[in-house]
Amino acid sequence: MLVIPAIDMRRGRCVRLYQGDPGRETVYGDNPVEVARQWEQLGAKMLHLVDLDGAFTGLTQNSKIIASIGEEVHVPLQLGGGIRSREAVEKAYSAGISRVILGTLAIEQPDLAQELARDYGDGILVGIDAREGMAAVKGWTESSRTGIVELASRIEQWGVKEIIYTDIQRDGTLKGPNLAGLEILLDNTGLQIIMSGGISSLDDLASLKPYTGRVKGVIIGKALYTNQLTLPDAMSVFN
């Protein structure tokens, strides 16, 4: 199971938000490129990039930084946030991104999302960002009328093989992963899942070990930036 450090970018800086709230931001670095280099040096096998400005506005905002990370690091990169057109997907790939994460687009433009999944195969992931069982959109600022199981089943039919499941109410809270929500998705789909939200300790990571096979990775943000976990220790749980 991969341990994937998160690099959330807003206004050119590396930040973390509490439950996705832009009014509850903590800045952890002024140079996301250097942060990416540090995670790679500590052994990360993949990095999770989020363009928060893009998520809130619908248009990619941190393109230069993303391209610089693509040039400077040599591990696979996955990117989400504001990817709402074919052009944005193509731009991400040209910047060195390995896997593009669709969120709002998968709900609001399902035909385009299905086309992209067909055209790019394993290079497309879908982020299912859950708030009380419903999928959120537009940088988590709005809840859709689509339940997470309905969305997961739909994208599985498109041929998407892997999703990122985030419990918004746990993101940035250090309250542990939502295993109940994970099990609902595992029971109702055949998708592979990357878990995100709430990881705070080695015990939290160990709680995911029984799901090895279907759960392919876990994204960690705040716990790494506040030194509650070190990346080598987190990775050792799954070695």
Protein backbone atom coordinates (compact mmCIF):
# COMPACT_ATOMS: atom_id res chain seq x y z
CA MET A 1 0.00 0.00 0.00
CA LEU A 2 1.46 3.34 -1.03
CA VAL A 3 1.83 6.17 1.48
CA ILE A 4 1.30 9.32 -0.54
CA PRO A 5 2.19 12.76 0.84
CA ALA A 6 -0.24 15.53 -0.09
CA ILE A 7 0.89 18.89 -1.42
CA ASP A 8 -2.04 21.31 -1.39
CA MET A 9 -1.30 24.57 -3.20
CA ARG A 10 -3.03 27.87 -2.64
CA ARG A 11 -1.76 31.28 -3.76
CA GLY A 12 1.57 29.68 -4.58
CA ARG A 13 2.14 28.23 -1.13
CA CYS A 14 1.88 24.79 0.46
CA VAL A 15 -1.10 24.79 2.82
CA ARG A 16 -3.58 22.59 4.65
CA LEU A 17 -7.25 23.39 5.16
CA TYR A 18 -9.45 22.12 7.98
CA GLN A 19 -12.36 20.16 6.44
CA GLY A 20 -11.66 21.98 3.17
CA ASP A 21 -12.60 25.36 4.65
CA PRO A 22 -10.60 28.15 2.93
CA GLY A 23 -11.08 30.29 6.03
CA ARG A 24 -9.22 27.73 8.15
CA GLU A 25 -5.87 27.58 6.41
CA THR A 26 -2.45 26.77 7.78
CA VAL A 27 0.61 27.55 5.67
CA TYR A 28 3.39 24.93 5.79
CA GLY A 29 5.75 26.31 3.17
CA ASP A 30 6.24 29.05 0.61
CA ASN A 31 7.84 26.74 -1.96
CA PRO A 32 5.78 23.69 -2.98
CA VAL A 33 8.56 22.59 -5.33
CA GLU A 34 11.01 22.31 -2.45
CA VAL A 35 8.39 20.48 -0.38
CA ALA A 36 7.97 17.99 -3.22
CA ARG A 37 11.73 17.45 -3.38
CA GLN A 38 11.84 16.81 0.37
CA TRP A 39 9.11 14.16 0.23
CA GLU A 40 10.89 12.46 -2.65
CA GLN A 41 14.18 12.50 -0.73
CA LEU A 42 12.44 10.90 2.26
CA GLY A 43 11.32 8.01 0.09
CA ALA A 44 7.87 8.89 -1.27
CA LYS A 45 6.94 6.73 -4.26
CA MET A 46 4.13 9.06 -5.40
CA LEU A 47 2.92 12.58 -4.58
CA HIS A 48 -0.65 13.88 -4.43
CA LEU A 49 -0.95 17.46 -5.72
CA VAL A 50 -4.04 19.60 -5.23
CA ASP A 51 -4.55 22.99 -6.86
CA LEU A 52 -6.91 24.50 -4.28
CA ASP A 53 -7.24 27.75 -6.20
CA GLY A 54 -8.29 25.69 -9.20
CA ALA A 55 -10.78 23.73 -7.11
CA PHE A 56 -12.46 26.91 -5.91
CA THR A 57 -12.43 28.77 -9.25
CA GLY A 58 -12.78 25.91 -11.73
CA LEU A 59 -9.62 26.92 -13.60
CA THR A 60 -6.07 25.72 -12.98
CA GLN A 61 -4.23 28.47 -11.07
CA ASN A 62 -0.85 27.02 -10.07
CA SER A 63 0.33 25.81 -13.48
CA LYS A 64 3.91 27.07 -13.22
CA ILE A 65 4.45 25.47 -9.83
CA ILE A 66 2.92 22.20 -11.01
CA ALA A 67 5.16 22.18 -14.09
CA SER A 68 8.21 22.90 -11.92
CA ILE A 69 7.37 19.98 -9.64
CA GLY A 70 7.00 17.83 -12.75
CA GLU A 71 10.50 18.83 -13.83
CA GLU A 72 12.18 18.56 -10.43
CA VAL A 73 10.92 15.27 -9.02
CA HIS A 74 11.05 11.81 -10.53
CA VAL A 75 8.22 9.95 -8.81
CA PRO A 76 4.71 9.71 -10.28
CA LEU A 77 2.45 12.68 -9.59
CA GLN A 78 -1.31 12.75 -9.37
CA LEU A 79 -3.16 16.07 -9.64
CA GLY A 80 -6.62 17.27 -8.73
CA GLY A 81 -8.31 20.63 -8.34
CA GLY A 82 -10.04 22.56 -11.12
CA ILE A 83 -9.69 19.85 -13.77
CA ARG A 84 -12.95 20.56 -15.57
CA SER A 85 -12.16 20.32 -19.28
CA ARG A 86 -10.27 18.15 -21.75
CA GLU A 87 -7.82 21.01 -22.20
CA ALA A 88 -7.06 21.01 -18.47
CA VAL A 89 -6.42 17.26 -18.55
CA GLU A 90 -4.07 17.58 -21.51
CA LYS A 91 -2.26 20.50 -19.87
CA ALA A 92 -1.71 18.43 -16.74
CA TYR A 93 -0.17 15.56 -18.68
CA SER A 94 2.10 17.96 -20.57
CA ALA A 95 3.32 19.31 -17.20
CA GLY A 96 4.53 15.87 -16.15
CA ILE A 97 1.47 14.65 -14.26
CA SER A 98 1.00 10.88 -14.39
CA ARG A 99 -2.58 10.64 -13.18
CA VAL A 100 -5.33 13.25 -13.35
CA ILE A 101 -8.11 13.30 -10.76
CA LEU A 102 -11.61 14.27 -11.88
CA GLY A 103 -14.03 15.52 -9.25
CA THR A 104 -16.70 18.07 -10.12
CA LEU A 105 -16.41 17.17 -13.81
CA ALA A 106 -17.40 13.56 -13.10
CA ILE A 107 -20.70 14.74 -11.64
CA GLU A 108 -21.51 17.77 -13.76
CA GLN A 109 -20.13 16.57 -17.13
CA PRO A 110 -20.46 12.78 -16.97
CA ASP A 111 -20.31 12.32 -20.76
CA LEU A 112 -16.97 14.12 -20.95
CA ALA A 113 -15.68 12.25 -17.91
CA GLN A 114 -16.56 8.96 -19.55
CA GLU A 115 -14.77 9.99 -22.75
CA LEU A 116 -11.66 10.97 -20.80
CA ALA A 117 -11.68 7.67 -18.92
CA ARG A 118 -11.90 5.83 -22.23
CA ASP A 119 -9.16 7.91 -23.87
CA TYR A 120 -6.65 7.94 -21.00
CA GLY A 121 -7.33 4.67 -19.19
CA ASP A 122 -5.38 4.30 -15.96
CA GLY A 123 -4.27 7.93 -16.26
CA ILE A 124 -7.69 9.02 -15.01
CA LEU A 125 -8.85 8.72 -11.40
CA VAL A 126 -12.04 10.06 -9.88
CA GLY A 127 -12.09 11.73 -6.51
CA ILE A 128 -15.15 10.93 -4.44
CA ASP A 129 -15.30 13.62 -1.79
CA ALA A 130 -17.98 12.67 0.70
CA ARG A 131 -19.98 14.76 3.12
CA GLU A 132 -22.59 12.73 5.02
CA GLY A 133 -22.72 10.15 2.24
CA MET A 134 -23.16 12.64 -0.61
CA ALA A 135 -20.54 13.73 -3.13
CA ALA A 136 -19.33 17.32 -2.83
CA VAL A 137 -18.27 19.52 -5.74
CA LYS A 138 -16.53 22.82 -6.53
CA GLY A 139 -13.74 22.56 -4.01
CA TRP A 140 -16.11 20.96 -1.51
CA THR A 141 -18.10 24.19 -1.29
CA GLU A 142 -21.31 22.55 -2.51
CA SER A 143 -22.96 19.19 -1.97
CA SER A 144 -24.42 17.42 -4.98
CA ARG A 145 -27.52 15.23 -5.01
CA THR A 146 -25.37 12.24 -5.92
CA GLY A 147 -24.64 9.62 -3.28
CA ILE A 148 -21.16 8.15 -3.09
CA VAL A 149 -22.27 4.63 -4.00
CA GLU A 150 -24.27 5.90 -6.97
CA LEU A 151 -21.27 7.89 -8.20
CA ALA A 152 -18.84 5.02 -7.62
CA SER A 153 -21.07 2.57 -9.51
CA ARG A 154 -21.44 5.00 -12.39
CA ILE A 155 -17.73 5.61 -12.84
CA GLU A 156 -16.98 1.91 -12.56
CA GLN A 157 -19.21 1.42 -15.60
CA TRP A 158 -17.06 3.98 -17.43
CA GLY A 159 -14.05 1.73 -16.97
CA VAL A 160 -12.41 3.76 -14.22
CA LYS A 161 -10.49 1.35 -12.00
CA GLU A 162 -9.37 3.50 -9.09
CA ILE A 163 -10.85 6.28 -6.97
CA ILE A 164 -9.69 8.54 -4.17
CA TYR A 165 -12.16 8.46 -1.30
CA THR A 166 -12.05 11.45 1.04
CA ASP A 167 -14.29 12.01 4.03
CA ILE A 168 -14.46 15.80 4.10
CA GLN A 169 -15.50 15.97 7.74
CA ARG A 170 -12.30 14.15 8.70
CA ASP A 171 -9.91 15.92 6.35
CA GLY A 172 -7.36 17.93 8.31
CA THR A 173 -8.89 16.85 11.63
CA LEU A 174 -6.51 14.01 12.60
CA LYS A 175 -9.55 11.98 13.76
CA GLY A 176 -8.74 8.80 11.85
CA PRO A 177 -10.01 7.35 8.55
CA ASN A 178 -13.68 6.64 7.89
CA LEU A 179 -13.55 2.85 7.70
CA ALA A 180 -17.34 2.54 7.62
CA GLY A 181 -17.51 4.66 4.47
CA LEU A 182 -14.65 2.67 2.97
CA GLU A 183 -16.43 -0.61 3.59
CA ILE A 184 -19.61 0.68 1.95
CA LEU A 185 -17.66 1.41 -1.22
CA LEU A 186 -15.80 -1.90 -1.09
CA ASP A 187 -19.03 -3.83 -0.61
CA ASN A 188 -20.86 -2.11 -3.45
CA THR A 189 -18.16 -1.82 -6.13
CA GLY A 190 -15.09 -3.58 -7.43
CA LEU A 191 -13.06 -0.37 -7.48
CA GLN A 192 -9.59 0.02 -6.08
CA ILE A 193 -9.43 2.83 -3.55
CA ILE A 194 -6.95 5.37 -2.24
CA MET A 195 -7.97 6.57 1.22
CA SER A 196 -7.72 10.18 2.27
CA GLY A 197 -8.72 12.18 5.31
CA GLY A 198 -8.08 11.99 9.02
CA ILE A 199 -4.87 9.95 9.23
CA SER A 200 -3.06 10.91 12.43
CA SER A 201 -1.04 7.95 13.70
CA LEU A 202 0.62 4.63 12.97
CA ASP A 203 -2.46 2.98 14.48
CA ASP A 204 -4.65 4.72 11.90
CA LEU A 205 -2.45 3.34 9.17
CA ALA A 206 -2.46 -0.14 10.72
CA SER A 207 -6.28 -0.05 10.66
CA LEU A 208 -6.07 -0.06 6.85
CA LYS A 209 -3.87 -3.15 6.62
CA PRO A 210 -6.82 -5.60 6.53
CA TYR A 211 -7.95 -3.89 3.32
CA THR A 212 -4.66 -4.38 1.49
CA GLY A 213 -5.43 -5.53 -2.03
CA ARG A 214 -8.38 -3.26 -2.70
CA VAL A 215 -6.96 -0.22 -0.91
CA LYS A 216 -3.95 0.74 -2.99
CA GLY A 217 -2.78 3.77 -1.08
CA VAL A 218 -3.34 6.31 1.66
CA ILE A 219 -2.87 10.05 1.33
CA ILE A 220 -1.45 11.86 4.35
CA GLY A 221 -1.29 15.61 4.80
CA LYS A 222 -1.52 17.34 8.16
CA ALA A 223 -0.01 14.51 10.22
CA LEU A 224 3.19 14.72 8.15
CA TYR A 225 3.36 18.50 8.19
CA THR A 226 2.87 18.69 11.96
CA ASN A 227 5.40 15.88 12.56
CA GLN A 228 2.87 13.61 14.20
CA LEU A 229 4.11 11.05 11.69
CA THR A 230 7.33 10.76 9.76
CA LEU A 231 7.12 9.51 6.21
CA PRO A 232 9.63 6.63 6.78
CA ASP A 233 7.68 5.44 9.83
CA ALA A 234 4.38 5.66 7.95
CA MET A 235 5.79 3.68 5.03
CA SER A 236 7.19 1.03 7.39
CA VAL A 237 3.64 0.03 8.42
CA PHE A 238 3.10 -1.54 5.01
CA ASN A 239 6.56 -3.01 4.41
